[in-house]
Each structure stands twice: as C-alpha cells, then as structure tokens.
C-alpha atoms as a PDB file:
ATOM      1  CA  MET A   1       3.615 -13.880  22.234  1.00  0.00           C
ATOM      2  CA  SER A   2       7.057 -13.169  23.678  1.00  0.00           C
ATOM      3  CA  ASN A   3       7.669 -11.473  27.025  1.00  0.00           C
ATOM      4  CA  SER A   4       9.101  -8.443  25.208  1.00  0.00           C
ATOM      5  CA  SER A   5       5.922  -8.212  23.103  1.00  0.00           C
ATOM      6  CA  ASN A   6       3.777  -8.422  26.227  1.00  0.00           C
ATOM      7  CA  THR A   7       5.776  -5.628  27.801  1.00  0.00           C
ATOM      8  CA  HIS A   8       5.399  -3.520  24.658  1.00  0.00           C
ATOM      9  CA  ILE A   9       1.627  -3.980  24.557  1.00  0.00           C
ATOM     10  CA  LYS A  10       1.295  -3.177  28.261  1.00  0.00           C
ATOM     11  CA  THR A  11       3.224   0.069  27.723  1.00  0.00           C
ATOM     12  CA  VAL A  12       0.953   0.996  24.831  1.00  0.00           C
ATOM     13  CA  HIS A  13      -2.117   0.397  26.974  1.00  0.00           C
ATOM     14  CA  GLN A  14      -0.842   2.645  29.736  1.00  0.00           C
ATOM     15  CA  ALA A  15      -0.428   5.608  27.373  1.00  0.00           C
ATOM     16  CA  ARG A  16      -3.199   4.931  24.885  1.00  0.00           C
ATOM     17  CA  ARG A  17      -6.566   6.418  24.178  1.00  0.00           C
ATOM     18  CA  ASP A  18      -9.030   3.647  25.003  1.00  0.00           C
ATOM     19  CA  ASP A  19     -12.272   5.220  23.782  1.00  0.00           C
ATOM     20  CA  PHE A  20     -12.667   6.001  20.080  1.00  0.00           C
ATOM     21  CA  SER A  21     -16.411   6.588  20.190  1.00  0.00           C
ATOM     22  CA  GLY A  22     -17.872   9.727  18.687  1.00  0.00           C
ATOM     23  CA  ILE A  23     -17.948  11.629  15.414  1.00  0.00           C
ATOM     24  CA  TRP A  24     -14.575  11.641  13.679  1.00  0.00           C
ATOM     25  CA  VAL A  25     -14.035  13.571  10.458  1.00  0.00           C
ATOM     26  CA  ALA A  26     -12.236  11.838   7.592  1.00  0.00           C
ATOM     27  CA  LEU A  27     -10.213  14.940   6.770  1.00  0.00           C
ATOM     28  CA  ILE A  28      -9.602  16.153   3.212  1.00  0.00           C
ATOM     29  CA  THR A  29      -6.156  17.282   2.072  1.00  0.00           C
ATOM     30  CA  PRO A  30      -6.301  20.788   0.516  1.00  0.00           C
ATOM     31  CA  PHE A  31      -4.059  21.523  -2.455  1.00  0.00           C
ATOM     32  CA  CYS A  32      -2.720  24.790  -3.845  1.00  0.00           C
ATOM     33  CA  ASN A  33      -3.162  25.998  -7.410  1.00  0.00           C
ATOM     34  CA  GLY A  34      -0.394  25.190  -9.838  1.00  0.00           C
ATOM     35  CA  PRO A  35       0.956  22.264 -11.844  1.00  0.00           C
ATOM     36  CA  ASP A  36       2.465  20.515  -8.826  1.00  0.00           C
ATOM     37  CA  ALA A  37      -0.701  20.861  -6.699  1.00  0.00           C
ATOM     38  CA  ALA A  38       1.321  21.163  -3.503  1.00  0.00           C
ATOM     39  CA  VAL A  39      -0.401  20.513  -0.181  1.00  0.00           C
ATOM     40  CA  ASP A  40      -1.943  23.725   1.158  1.00  0.00           C
ATOM     41  CA  LEU A  41      -0.779  23.411   4.756  1.00  0.00           C
ATOM     42  CA  PRO A  42      -2.279  26.726   6.006  1.00  0.00           C
ATOM     43  CA  ALA A  43      -5.701  25.746   4.644  1.00  0.00           C
ATOM     44  CA  LEU A  44      -5.324  22.288   6.177  1.00  0.00           C
ATOM     45  CA  GLN A  45      -4.550  23.736   9.591  1.00  0.00           C
ATOM     46  CA  ALA A  46      -7.372  26.280   9.415  1.00  0.00           C
ATOM     47  CA  LEU A  47      -9.882  23.574   8.502  1.00  0.00           C
ATOM     48  CA  ALA A  48      -8.604  21.173  11.169  1.00  0.00           C
ATOM     49  CA  SER A  49      -8.772  23.876  13.844  1.00  0.00           C
ATOM     50  CA  LYS A  50     -12.288  24.859  12.773  1.00  0.00           C
ATOM     51  CA  LEU A  51     -13.611  21.300  13.002  1.00  0.00           C
ATOM     52  CA  ILE A  52     -12.094  20.719  16.431  1.00  0.00           C
ATOM     53  CA  LYS A  53     -13.552  24.011  17.706  1.00  0.00           C
ATOM     54  CA  GLU A  54     -16.941  22.901  16.407  1.00  0.00           C
ATOM     55  CA  GLY A  55     -16.761  19.899  18.698  1.00  0.00           C
ATOM     56  CA  VAL A  56     -15.957  16.845  16.588  1.00  0.00           C
ATOM     57  CA  THR A  57     -14.297  14.006  18.462  1.00  0.00           C
ATOM     58  CA  GLY A  58     -11.244  14.071  16.255  1.00  0.00           C
ATOM     59  CA  LEU A  59      -9.762  13.886  12.769  1.00  0.00           C
ATOM     60  CA  VAL A  60      -8.538  11.030  10.597  1.00  0.00           C
ATOM     61  CA  VAL A  61      -5.809  12.308   8.290  1.00  0.00           C
ATOM     62  CA  CYS A  62      -4.433  10.669   5.160  1.00  0.00           C
ATOM     63  CA  GLY A  63      -7.331   8.324   4.601  1.00  0.00           C
ATOM     64  CA  SER A  64      -9.139   7.800   1.302  1.00  0.00           C
ATOM     65  CA  THR A  65     -10.959  11.144   1.702  1.00  0.00           C
ATOM     66  CA  GLY A  66      -7.548  12.739   2.258  1.00  0.00           C
ATOM     67  CA  GLU A  67      -6.330  11.394  -1.112  1.00  0.00           C
ATOM     68  CA  ALA A  68      -3.504   9.607   0.677  1.00  0.00           C
ATOM     69  CA  ALA A  69      -2.863   7.339  -2.303  1.00  0.00           C
ATOM     70  CA  ALA A  70      -1.867  10.435  -4.284  1.00  0.00           C
ATOM     71  CA  LEU A  71       0.526  11.683  -1.589  1.00  0.00           C
ATOM     72  CA  SER A  72       4.154  10.695  -1.167  1.00  0.00           C
ATOM     73  CA  GLU A  73       5.306   9.311   2.167  1.00  0.00           C
ATOM     74  CA  GLU A  74       6.979  12.645   2.873  1.00  0.00           C
ATOM     75  CA  GLU A  75       3.788  14.551   2.092  1.00  0.00           C
ATOM     76  CA  GLN A  76       1.733  12.261   4.308  1.00  0.00           C
ATOM     77  CA  LEU A  77       4.021  12.981   7.244  1.00  0.00           C
ATOM     78  CA  GLN A  78       3.877  16.713   6.449  1.00  0.00           C
ATOM     79  CA  VAL A  79       0.077  16.545   6.596  1.00  0.00           C
ATOM     80  CA  LEU A  80       0.249  14.671   9.886  1.00  0.00           C
ATOM     81  CA  ASP A  81       2.764  17.081  11.432  1.00  0.00           C
ATOM     82  CA  ALA A  82       0.802  20.137  10.273  1.00  0.00           C
ATOM     83  CA  THR A  83      -2.362  18.696  11.815  1.00  0.00           C
ATOM     84  CA  LEU A  84      -0.619  17.831  15.086  1.00  0.00           C
ATOM     85  CA  ALA A  85       0.649  21.407  15.290  1.00  0.00           C
ATOM     86  CA  VAL A  86      -2.924  22.676  15.747  1.00  0.00           C
ATOM     87  CA  VAL A  87      -4.878  19.654  17.070  1.00  0.00           C
ATOM     88  CA  PRO A  88      -4.225  17.706  20.302  1.00  0.00           C
ATOM     89  CA  ALA A  89      -2.584  14.367  19.600  1.00  0.00           C
ATOM     90  CA  HIS A  90      -5.383  12.360  21.236  1.00  0.00           C
ATOM     91  CA  GLN A  91      -7.745  13.747  18.570  1.00  0.00           C
ATOM     92  CA  VAL A  92      -5.686  12.655  15.554  1.00  0.00           C
ATOM     93  CA  ILE A  93      -5.745   9.248  13.846  1.00  0.00           C
ATOM     94  CA  MET A  94      -3.358   8.583  10.956  1.00  0.00           C
ATOM     95  CA  GLY A  95      -4.293   6.526   7.921  1.00  0.00           C
ATOM     96  CA  LEU A  96      -1.958   3.743   6.806  1.00  0.00           C
ATOM     97  CA  SER A  97      -2.343   1.692   3.618  1.00  0.00           C
ATOM     98  CA  GLY A  98      -0.072  -0.290   1.351  1.00  0.00           C
ATOM     99  CA  ASN A  99       0.696  -3.692  -0.098  1.00  0.00           C
ATOM    100  CA  HIS A 100       4.402  -4.005   0.716  1.00  0.00           C
ATOM    101  CA  MET A 101       4.852  -5.266   4.271  1.00  0.00           C
ATOM    102  CA  GLY A 102       8.278  -3.740   4.767  1.00  0.00           C
ATOM    103  CA  GLN A 103       7.276  -0.316   3.483  1.00  0.00           C
ATOM    104  CA  VAL A 104       4.106  -0.299   5.583  1.00  0.00           C
ATOM    105  CA  LEU A 105       6.079  -1.157   8.714  1.00  0.00           C
ATOM    106  CA  HIS A 106       8.611   1.554   7.853  1.00  0.00           C
ATOM    107  CA  ARG A 107       5.846   4.158   7.616  1.00  0.00           C
ATOM    108  CA  LEU A 108       4.278   2.800  10.802  1.00  0.00           C
ATOM    109  CA  ALA A 109       7.560   3.359  12.625  1.00  0.00           C
ATOM    110  CA  ALA A 110       7.705   6.946  11.371  1.00  0.00           C
ATOM    111  CA  ILE A 111       4.139   7.545  12.547  1.00  0.00           C
ATOM    112  CA  GLY A 112       4.972   5.971  15.894  1.00  0.00           C
ATOM    113  CA  GLN A 113       7.633   8.610  16.469  1.00  0.00           C
ATOM    114  CA  ARG A 114       4.799  11.131  16.724  1.00  0.00           C
ATOM    115  CA  GLN A 115       2.070  11.185  19.351  1.00  0.00           C
ATOM    116  CA  VAL A 116      -1.202  10.215  17.729  1.00  0.00           C
ATOM    117  CA  ALA A 117      -4.348   8.538  19.013  1.00  0.00           C
ATOM    118  CA  GLY A 118      -4.007   5.608  16.644  1.00  0.00           C
ATOM    119  CA  VAL A 119      -3.505   4.350  13.097  1.00  0.00           C
ATOM    120  CA  LEU A 120      -6.327   3.396  10.738  1.00  0.00           C
ATOM    121  CA  VAL A 121      -5.131   0.492   8.609  1.00  0.00           C
ATOM    122  CA  THR A 122      -6.650  -1.155   5.525  1.00  0.00           C
ATOM    123  CA  PRO A 123      -5.858  -4.672   4.370  1.00  0.00           C
ATOM    124  CA  PRO A 124      -3.270  -4.794   1.582  1.00  0.00           C
ATOM    125  CA  TYR A 125      -4.924  -3.519  -1.572  1.00  0.00           C
ATOM    126  CA  TYR A 126      -4.777  -5.060  -5.079  1.00  0.00           C
ATOM    127  CA  ILE A 127      -3.061  -8.319  -4.081  1.00  0.00           C
ATOM    128  CA  ARG A 128      -6.254  -9.684  -2.447  1.00  0.00           C
ATOM    129  CA  PRO A 129      -4.714 -11.853   0.301  1.00  0.00           C
ATOM    130  CA  SER A 130      -6.497 -14.786   1.909  1.00  0.00           C
ATOM    131  CA  GLN A 131      -8.078 -14.412   5.327  1.00  0.00           C
ATOM    132  CA  ALA A 132      -4.980 -16.062   6.784  1.00  0.00           C
ATOM    133  CA  GLY A 133      -2.889 -13.459   4.969  1.00  0.00           C
ATOM    134  CA  ILE A 134      -5.010 -10.670   6.416  1.00  0.00           C
ATOM    135  CA  LEU A 135      -4.583 -12.098   9.916  1.00  0.00           C
ATOM    136  CA  HIS A 136      -0.817 -12.245   9.452  1.00  0.00           C
ATOM    137  CA  TYR A 137      -0.679  -8.697   8.057  1.00  0.00           C
ATOM    138  CA  PHE A 138      -2.605  -7.115  10.899  1.00  0.00           C
ATOM    139  CA  HIS A 139      -0.864  -9.184  13.561  1.00  0.00           C
ATOM    140  CA  GLU A 140       2.495  -7.900  12.325  1.00  0.00           C
ATOM    141  CA  ILE A 141       1.219  -4.321  12.377  1.00  0.00           C
ATOM    142  CA  ALA A 142      -0.423  -4.614  15.794  1.00  0.00           C
ATOM    143  CA  GLU A 143       2.744  -6.094  17.294  1.00  0.00           C
ATOM    144  CA  ALA A 144       4.937  -3.376  15.787  1.00  0.00           C
ATOM    145  CA  SER A 145       2.703  -0.376  16.421  1.00  0.00           C
ATOM    146  CA  ALA A 146       3.469   2.025  19.254  1.00  0.00           C
ATOM    147  CA  VAL A 147      -0.134   3.295  19.073  1.00  0.00           C
ATOM    148  CA  PRO A 148      -3.535   1.590  18.962  1.00  0.00           C
ATOM    149  CA  VAL A 149      -4.639   0.083  15.651  1.00  0.00           C
ATOM    150  CA  LEU A 150      -8.048   0.636  14.065  1.00  0.00           C
ATOM    151  CA  LEU A 151      -9.075  -1.780  11.323  1.00  0.00           C
ATOM    152  CA  TYR A 152     -10.498  -0.340   8.099  1.00  0.00           C
ATOM    153  CA  ASN A 153     -12.635  -2.846   6.225  1.00  0.00           C
ATOM    154  CA  ILE A 154     -13.394  -1.301   2.828  1.00  0.00           C
ATOM    155  CA  PRO A 155     -13.562  -4.084   0.233  1.00  0.00           C
ATOM    156  CA  TYR A 156     -14.634  -1.857  -2.660  1.00  0.00           C
ATOM    157  CA  ARG A 157     -11.276  -0.054  -2.419  1.00  0.00           C
ATOM    158  CA  THR A 158      -8.948  -2.877  -1.366  1.00  0.00           C
ATOM    159  CA  GLY A 159     -10.488  -5.752  -3.362  1.00  0.00           C
ATOM    160  CA  VAL A 160     -10.725  -8.015  -0.311  1.00  0.00           C
ATOM    161  CA  ASN A 161     -13.316  -8.360   2.446  1.00  0.00           C
ATOM    162  CA  MET A 162     -12.356  -8.999   6.049  1.00  0.00           C
ATOM    163  CA  GLU A 163     -14.738 -11.796   7.001  1.00  0.00           C
ATOM    164  CA  LEU A 164     -16.419 -11.915  10.401  1.00  0.00           C
ATOM    165  CA  PRO A 165     -14.264 -14.713  11.907  1.00  0.00           C
ATOM    166  CA  THR A 166     -11.165 -12.793  10.829  1.00  0.00           C
ATOM    167  CA  LEU A 167     -12.426  -9.607  12.441  1.00  0.00           C
ATOM    168  CA  GLN A 168     -13.390 -11.471  15.620  1.00  0.00           C
ATOM    169  CA  GLN A 169      -9.928 -12.998  15.894  1.00  0.00           C
ATOM    170  CA  LEU A 170      -8.215  -9.648  15.308  1.00  0.00           C
ATOM    171  CA  ALA A 171     -10.489  -7.986  17.866  1.00  0.00           C
ATOM    172  CA  LYS A 172      -8.930 -10.175  20.554  1.00  0.00           C
ATOM    173  CA  HIS A 173      -5.532  -8.552  20.040  1.00  0.00           C
ATOM    174  CA  PRO A 174      -4.903  -6.029  22.827  1.00  0.00           C
ATOM    175  CA  ASN A 175      -3.544  -3.395  20.422  1.00  0.00           C
ATOM    176  CA  ILE A 176      -6.480  -3.570  17.968  1.00  0.00           C
ATOM    177  CA  VAL A 177      -9.202  -1.388  19.420  1.00  0.00           C
ATOM    178  CA  ALA A 178     -11.769  -0.327  16.815  1.00  0.00           C
ATOM    179  CA  ILE A 179     -12.966  -0.754  13.246  1.00  0.00           C
ATOM    180  CA  LYS A 180     -14.069   1.654  10.550  1.00  0.00           C
ATOM    181  CA  ASP A 181     -16.806  -0.501   9.098  1.00  0.00           C
ATOM    182  CA  CYS A 182     -17.452  -0.224   5.355  1.00  0.00           C
ATOM    183  CA  GLY A 183     -18.028  -3.935   4.859  1.00  0.00           C
ATOM    184  CA  GLY A 184     -21.718  -3.646   4.003  1.00  0.00           C
ATOM    185  CA  ASN A 185     -22.727  -6.622   6.163  1.00  0.00           C
ATOM    186  CA  LEU A 186     -25.192  -5.597   8.869  1.00  0.00           C
ATOM    187  CA  GLN A 187     -25.128  -9.022  10.519  1.00  0.00           C
ATOM    188  CA  ALA A 188     -21.348  -8.857  10.889  1.00  0.00           C
ATOM    189  CA  THR A 189     -21.619  -5.311  12.229  1.00  0.00           C
ATOM    190  CA  MET A 190     -24.148  -6.325  14.857  1.00  0.00           C
ATOM    191  CA  GLN A 191     -22.156  -9.414  15.844  1.00  0.00           C
ATOM    192  CA  LEU A 192     -19.022  -7.329  16.429  1.00  0.00           C
ATOM    193  CA  ILE A 193     -21.039  -4.901  18.541  1.00  0.00           C
ATOM    194  CA  MET A 194     -22.592  -7.768  20.491  1.00  0.00           C
ATOM    195  CA  ASP A 195     -19.194  -9.408  21.063  1.00  0.00           C
ATOM    196  CA  GLY A 196     -17.966  -6.197  22.675  1.00  0.00           C
ATOM    197  CA  ASP A 197     -14.281  -6.807  21.907  1.00  0.00           C
ATOM    198  CA  ILE A 198     -13.863  -3.871  19.540  1.00  0.00           C
ATOM    199  CA  GLN A 199     -15.518  -0.489  19.003  1.00  0.00           C
ATOM    200  CA  VAL A 200     -17.480  -0.301  15.758  1.00  0.00           C
ATOM    201  CA  LEU A 201     -17.565   3.010  13.894  1.00  0.00           C
ATOM    202  CA  THR A 202     -19.318   3.254  10.567  1.00  0.00           C
ATOM    203  CA  GLY A 203     -17.391   4.550   7.600  1.00  0.00           C
ATOM    204  CA  GLU A 204     -20.506   4.666   5.449  1.00  0.00           C
ATOM    205  CA  ASP A 205     -22.024   8.063   6.187  1.00  0.00           C
ATOM    206  CA  HIS A 206     -25.594   7.046   5.355  1.00  0.00           C
ATOM    207  CA  GLN A 207     -25.378   4.162   7.845  1.00  0.00           C
ATOM    208  CA  LEU A 208     -24.631   6.398  10.837  1.00  0.00           C
ATOM    209  CA  PHE A 209     -28.175   6.348  12.237  1.00  0.00           C
ATOM    210  CA  SER A 210     -28.599   2.572  11.970  1.00  0.00           C
ATOM    211  CA  THR A 211     -25.116   1.845  13.330  1.00  0.00           C
ATOM    212  CA  LEU A 212     -25.676   4.066  16.360  1.00  0.00           C
ATOM    213  CA  CYS A 213     -29.119   2.588  16.983  1.00  0.00           C
ATOM    214  CA  VAL A 214     -27.765  -0.970  17.143  1.00  0.00           C
ATOM    215  CA  GLY A 215     -25.032   0.086  19.569  1.00  0.00           C
ATOM    216  CA  GLY A 216     -22.158   1.262  17.382  1.00  0.00           C
ATOM    217  CA  ALA A 217     -19.629   3.669  18.850  1.00  0.00           C
ATOM    218  CA  GLY A 218     -19.862   6.390  16.204  1.00  0.00           C
ATOM    219  CA  GLY A 219     -18.553   7.143  12.751  1.00  0.00           C
ATOM    220  CA  ILE A 220     -15.548   8.231  10.718  1.00  0.00           C
ATOM    221  CA  LEU A 221     -17.294  10.404   8.186  1.00  0.00           C
ATOM    222  CA  ALA A 222     -16.439  12.620   5.230  1.00  0.00           C
ATOM    223  CA  SER A 223     -19.843  14.338   5.379  1.00  0.00           C
ATOM    224  CA  ALA A 224     -19.197  15.657   8.878  1.00  0.00           C
ATOM    225  CA  HIS A 225     -17.026  18.402   7.387  1.00  0.00           C
ATOM    226  CA  VAL A 226     -20.363  20.087   6.657  1.00  0.00           C
ATOM    227  CA  ARG A 227     -22.587  21.005   9.614  1.00  0.00           C
ATOM    228  CA  PRO A 228     -20.713  18.852  12.153  1.00  0.00           C
ATOM    229  CA  ASP A 229     -23.049  20.266  14.792  1.00  0.00           C
ATOM    230  CA  LEU A 230     -25.909  18.231  13.323  1.00  0.00           C
ATOM    231  CA  PHE A 231     -23.902  15.009  13.289  1.00  0.00           C
ATOM    232  CA  LEU A 232     -22.940  15.579  16.909  1.00  0.00           C
ATOM    233  CA  ARG A 233     -26.528  16.363  17.850  1.00  0.00           C
ATOM    234  CA  LEU A 234     -27.726  13.235  16.063  1.00  0.00           C
ATOM    235  CA  GLN A 235     -25.448  11.026  18.138  1.00  0.00           C
ATOM    236  CA  ALA A 236     -26.306  12.828  21.374  1.00  0.00           C
ATOM    237  CA  LEU A 237     -30.031  12.361  20.763  1.00  0.00           C
ATOM    238  CA  ILE A 238     -29.623   8.646  20.088  1.00  0.00           C
ATOM    239  CA  ILE A 239     -27.564   8.219  23.254  1.00  0.00           C
ATOM    240  CA  ALA A 240     -30.314  10.037  25.152  1.00  0.00           C
ATOM    241  CA  GLY A 241     -32.977   7.775  23.635  1.00  0.00           C
ATOM    242  CA  GLU A 242     -34.598  10.609  21.680  1.00  0.00           C
ATOM    243  CA  LEU A 243     -34.929   8.534  18.528  1.00  0.00           C
ATOM    244  CA  ALA A 244     -37.755  10.497  16.919  1.00  0.00           C
ATOM    245  CA  GLN A 245     -35.775  13.737  17.063  1.00  0.00           C
ATOM    246  CA  ALA A 246     -32.621  11.974  15.925  1.00  0.00           C
ATOM    247  CA  ARG A 247     -34.489  10.488  12.970  1.00  0.00           C
ATOM    248  CA  ILE A 248     -35.635  13.951  11.870  1.00  0.00           C
ATOM    249  CA  ILE A 249     -32.052  15.203  11.816  1.00  0.00           C
ATOM    250  CA  PHE A 250     -30.827  12.100  10.023  1.00  0.00           C
ATOM    251  CA  TYR A 251     -33.344  12.440   7.205  1.00  0.00           C
ATOM    252  CA  ARG A 252     -32.478  16.109   6.852  1.00  0.00           C
ATOM    253  CA  LEU A 253     -28.784  15.157   6.594  1.00  0.00           C
ATOM    254  CA  LEU A 254     -29.316  12.215   4.249  1.00  0.00           C
ATOM    255  CA  PRO A 255     -29.641  14.277   1.024  1.00  0.00           C
ATOM    256  CA  LEU A 256     -26.362  15.988   1.920  1.00  0.00           C
ATOM    257  CA  MET A 257     -24.633  12.640   2.443  1.00  0.00           C
ATOM    258  CA  GLN A 258     -25.997  11.360  -0.855  1.00  0.00           C
ATOM    259  CA  ALA A 259     -25.016  14.489  -2.794  1.00  0.00           C
ATOM    260  CA  LEU A 260     -21.483  14.359  -1.398  1.00  0.00           C
ATOM    261  CA  PHE A 261     -21.033  10.940  -3.013  1.00  0.00           C
ATOM    262  CA  ASP A 262     -22.712  11.632  -6.364  1.00  0.00           C
ATOM    263  CA  GLU A 263     -19.198  11.697  -7.811  1.00  0.00           C
ATOM    264  CA  PRO A 264     -15.992  10.083  -6.513  1.00  0.00           C
ATOM    265  CA  ASN A 265     -15.104  11.289  -3.027  1.00  0.00           C
ATOM    266  CA  PRO A 266     -13.723  13.843  -2.177  1.00  0.00           C
ATOM    267  CA  ALA A 267     -14.525  15.880  -5.311  1.00  0.00           C
ATOM    268  CA  PRO A 268     -18.039  16.988  -4.232  1.00  0.00           C
ATOM    269  CA  LEU A 269     -16.853  17.602  -0.663  1.00  0.00           C
ATOM    270  CA  LYS A 270     -14.024  19.814  -1.892  1.00  0.00           C
ATOM    271  CA  ALA A 271     -16.519  21.732  -4.040  1.00  0.00           C
ATOM    272  CA  ALA A 272     -18.694  22.320  -0.969  1.00  0.00           C
ATOM    273  CA  LEU A 273     -15.769  23.469   1.179  1.00  0.00           C
ATOM    274  CA  ALA A 274     -14.434  25.688  -1.613  1.00  0.00           C
ATOM    275  CA  ALA A 275     -17.844  27.322  -1.981  1.00  0.00           C
ATOM    276  CA  SER A 276     -17.651  28.151   1.733  1.00  0.00           C
ATOM    277  CA  GLY A 277     -14.234  29.744   1.215  1.00  0.00           C
ATOM    278  CA  LEU A 278     -12.378  27.180   3.323  1.00  0.00           C
ATOM    279  CA  ILE A 279     -10.142  25.637   0.647  1.00  0.00           C
ATOM    280  CA  GLN A 280      -9.388  25.719  -3.051  1.00  0.00           C
ATOM    281  CA  VAL A 281     -11.227  23.116  -5.077  1.00  0.00           C
ATOM    282  CA  ASN A 282      -8.074  21.375  -6.354  1.00  0.00           C
ATOM    283  CA  LEU A 283      -7.605  17.600  -6.401  1.00  0.00           C
ATOM    284  CA  ARG A 284      -4.642  15.451  -7.394  1.00  0.00           C
ATOM    285  CA  ALA A 285      -4.901  13.875 -10.851  1.00  0.00           C
ATOM    286  CA  PRO A 286      -6.358  11.547 -11.923  1.00  0.00           C
ATOM    287  CA  MET A 287      -9.091  12.785  -9.571  1.00  0.00           C
ATOM    288  CA  GLN A 288     -11.177  15.507 -11.209  1.00  0.00           C
ATOM    289  CA  ALA A 289     -13.181  18.380  -9.761  1.00  0.00           C
ATOM    290  CA  ALA A 290     -16.912  17.865  -9.345  1.00  0.00           C
ATOM    291  CA  THR A 291     -19.077  18.899 -12.269  1.00  0.00           C
ATOM    292  CA  SER A 292     -21.046  22.133 -12.126  1.00  0.00           C
ATOM    293  CA  ALA A 293     -24.313  20.156 -11.976  1.00  0.00           C
ATOM    294  CA  THR A 294     -23.170  18.187  -8.923  1.00  0.00           C
ATOM    295  CA  THR A 295     -21.824  21.335  -7.269  1.00  0.00           C
ATOM    296  CA  GLU A 296     -25.078  23.243  -7.810  1.00  0.00           C
ATOM    297  CA  LYS A 297     -27.142  20.347  -6.452  1.00  0.00           C
ATOM    298  CA  LEU A 298     -24.881  20.094  -3.431  1.00  0.00           C
ATOM    299  CA  LEU A 299     -25.078  23.803  -2.649  1.00  0.00           C
ATOM    300  CA  ARG A 300     -28.872  23.704  -2.851  1.00  0.00           C
ATOM    301  CA  THR A 301     -28.866  20.743  -0.479  1.00  0.00           C
ATOM    302  CA  MET A 302     -26.628  22.583   1.971  1.00  0.00           C
ATOM    303  CA  GLU A 303     -28.918  25.637   1.942  1.00  0.00           C
ATOM    304  CA  GLN A 304     -31.888  23.446   2.881  1.00  0.00           C
ATOM    305  CA  LEU A 305     -30.139  22.420   6.114  1.00  0.00           C
ATOM    306  CA  GLU A 306     -30.702  25.922   7.531  1.00  0.00           C
ATOM    307  CA  PRO A 307     -32.173  26.185  10.067  1.00  0.00           C
ATOM    308  CA  ILE A 308     -32.829  23.075  12.142  1.00  0.00           C
ATOM    309  CA  LYS A 309     -34.045  23.643  15.672  1.00  0.00           C
END
C-alpha cells in the first residue's frame, strides 16, 4: 500500500463511525401513484424520521429492500439526500451494487461527497467472479472509499458466494469494518465473530436471535420496519443475558418475519406499511404488489404482536 493510501485510510479512521452494532433497518423506497412511479420523497422522510425516533440504530438506504436495482443513479442519490435531510449522517448507510468497476467507483465517489456512516457493498452480480476477483473488487472499493465499507454477502442475489478465507482476508483491510451476513453458513459466521476482525450483522431476519447469541453485532433487517421496539428489546435482553425473555420475543416475532417474506421482498412489507397509512403500496415493475391472501395473513400476524409485556 502506498504512503498516500495509508494517509487516506488514517484520515478515514479519524472521522469514521467505528461501531456498527445494533438494529439497522433496511429501508424501503416509497413510490407515488402514476405510470412513472416516482419516488415519494415526503413519505420516505416521514418513515425515516419515525424509525429513528423509535430508536433504531440507523437506516440502510438503496439496498435490495429499497429496490435500488430499479432506481437510476440520480434517483438513488435523491433517496440518499432526502434521508440525510432528516436523519443524522452517522445513522445512514448507503447501498452500492453493480458489475461495472468504473461505474461503481463513480457512484462511490458521488456517495463520498456526502457524509454517511458507510457503504454496504455486494460482490459484482451476474458475472460470478472468482474469489480472487472478489478480493480485487473489494480492495479497489476499500482503497477508493472516503467512508467505511460494509461487505454484503448475499449469494442468492449476486450468484457468487464470498468464501470464508476471502472474507477473512478482506476483514484485515482497515477500511472494511462489518458484514451483512446472508451467506447461510453458520460455521463461517461463527469463525468471523471469533476472529474479531469485523463486525457481523445478520441480513437474514429469522437468524437474528442465533446470530446475537453467538456474539454477532446486530442485524440489518427489513422486518424491523414493523415493531422496531421489539427488535431493540430482543437485542437488549440478549446483551443482558436474559435469554429466556429474549426467546419469547423472538418466537413472537418469527411469524411476522416469515410472513414478510412469503412473497418477494419488499412487496409484503410495503403492504404492511401501506395498511398502517405510512406509504402507498406501489412497487417498481417488474415487482408486483403482494396478493390479498398474503396481505391478510400479514395483517393478522401483526395484530397478534399486541401486546407484549
């Protein structure tokens, strides 16, 4: 690493958020009615403000739950700027995905002109690079990024798995700080936690309890849009060693988590939020709204969460 790179990384460390533990919400992107399905920025800001007031650690914008793949680069930056207008920068992580190195670095530079807590980055999708290719990709991003980098291992969306040795090598980079873990390999998850070089946050909502119990730092969750107080209480109880009480809350939340993924995310989640009057139910094609059967099941599940003492 060059002296200039070392200086850059040191500067990042001085200004960075070092702790990404907690309950982060993988934020949806609301859309207006109409043929163009424009981003509903007022609804976005109202929802973001509500979640922060309810105590979540922060928000991840323009991830898969935020339908980022259906947003233009300009729209993604509009979503980011609208969120930053109502949420402190240290509570905002920006999603970043792509398969063209130059375009990804261009978007990274645009994100770096804003103050955000970090960027959540997937491996290149569709092209299925080798592990050496993944190492090169993330090294280039980590070296170029003005903010901390969080890895996002989600092979069922990208088509490639980040293997444990790859993750361990990337975790040594001073600008790679955490991982959203959707890899489905408990042994790899536990090894990363045991190594202690990177914070491990689950991205699989139903694995929150187990990840926290084996020492994970938290989660980046779509489900935490709904009753975030219970997700926060669950983590607090586990930290306090109150596992029996935490288990009760988890198994009360589990049907909600399952119902929210009965159809492709975020269709059921948008149905739930629309039923609460927070957004309109619209999605970007080819995504379709949740069926009435899924919506009815989800609303019944939500009603059964009240009250928990």
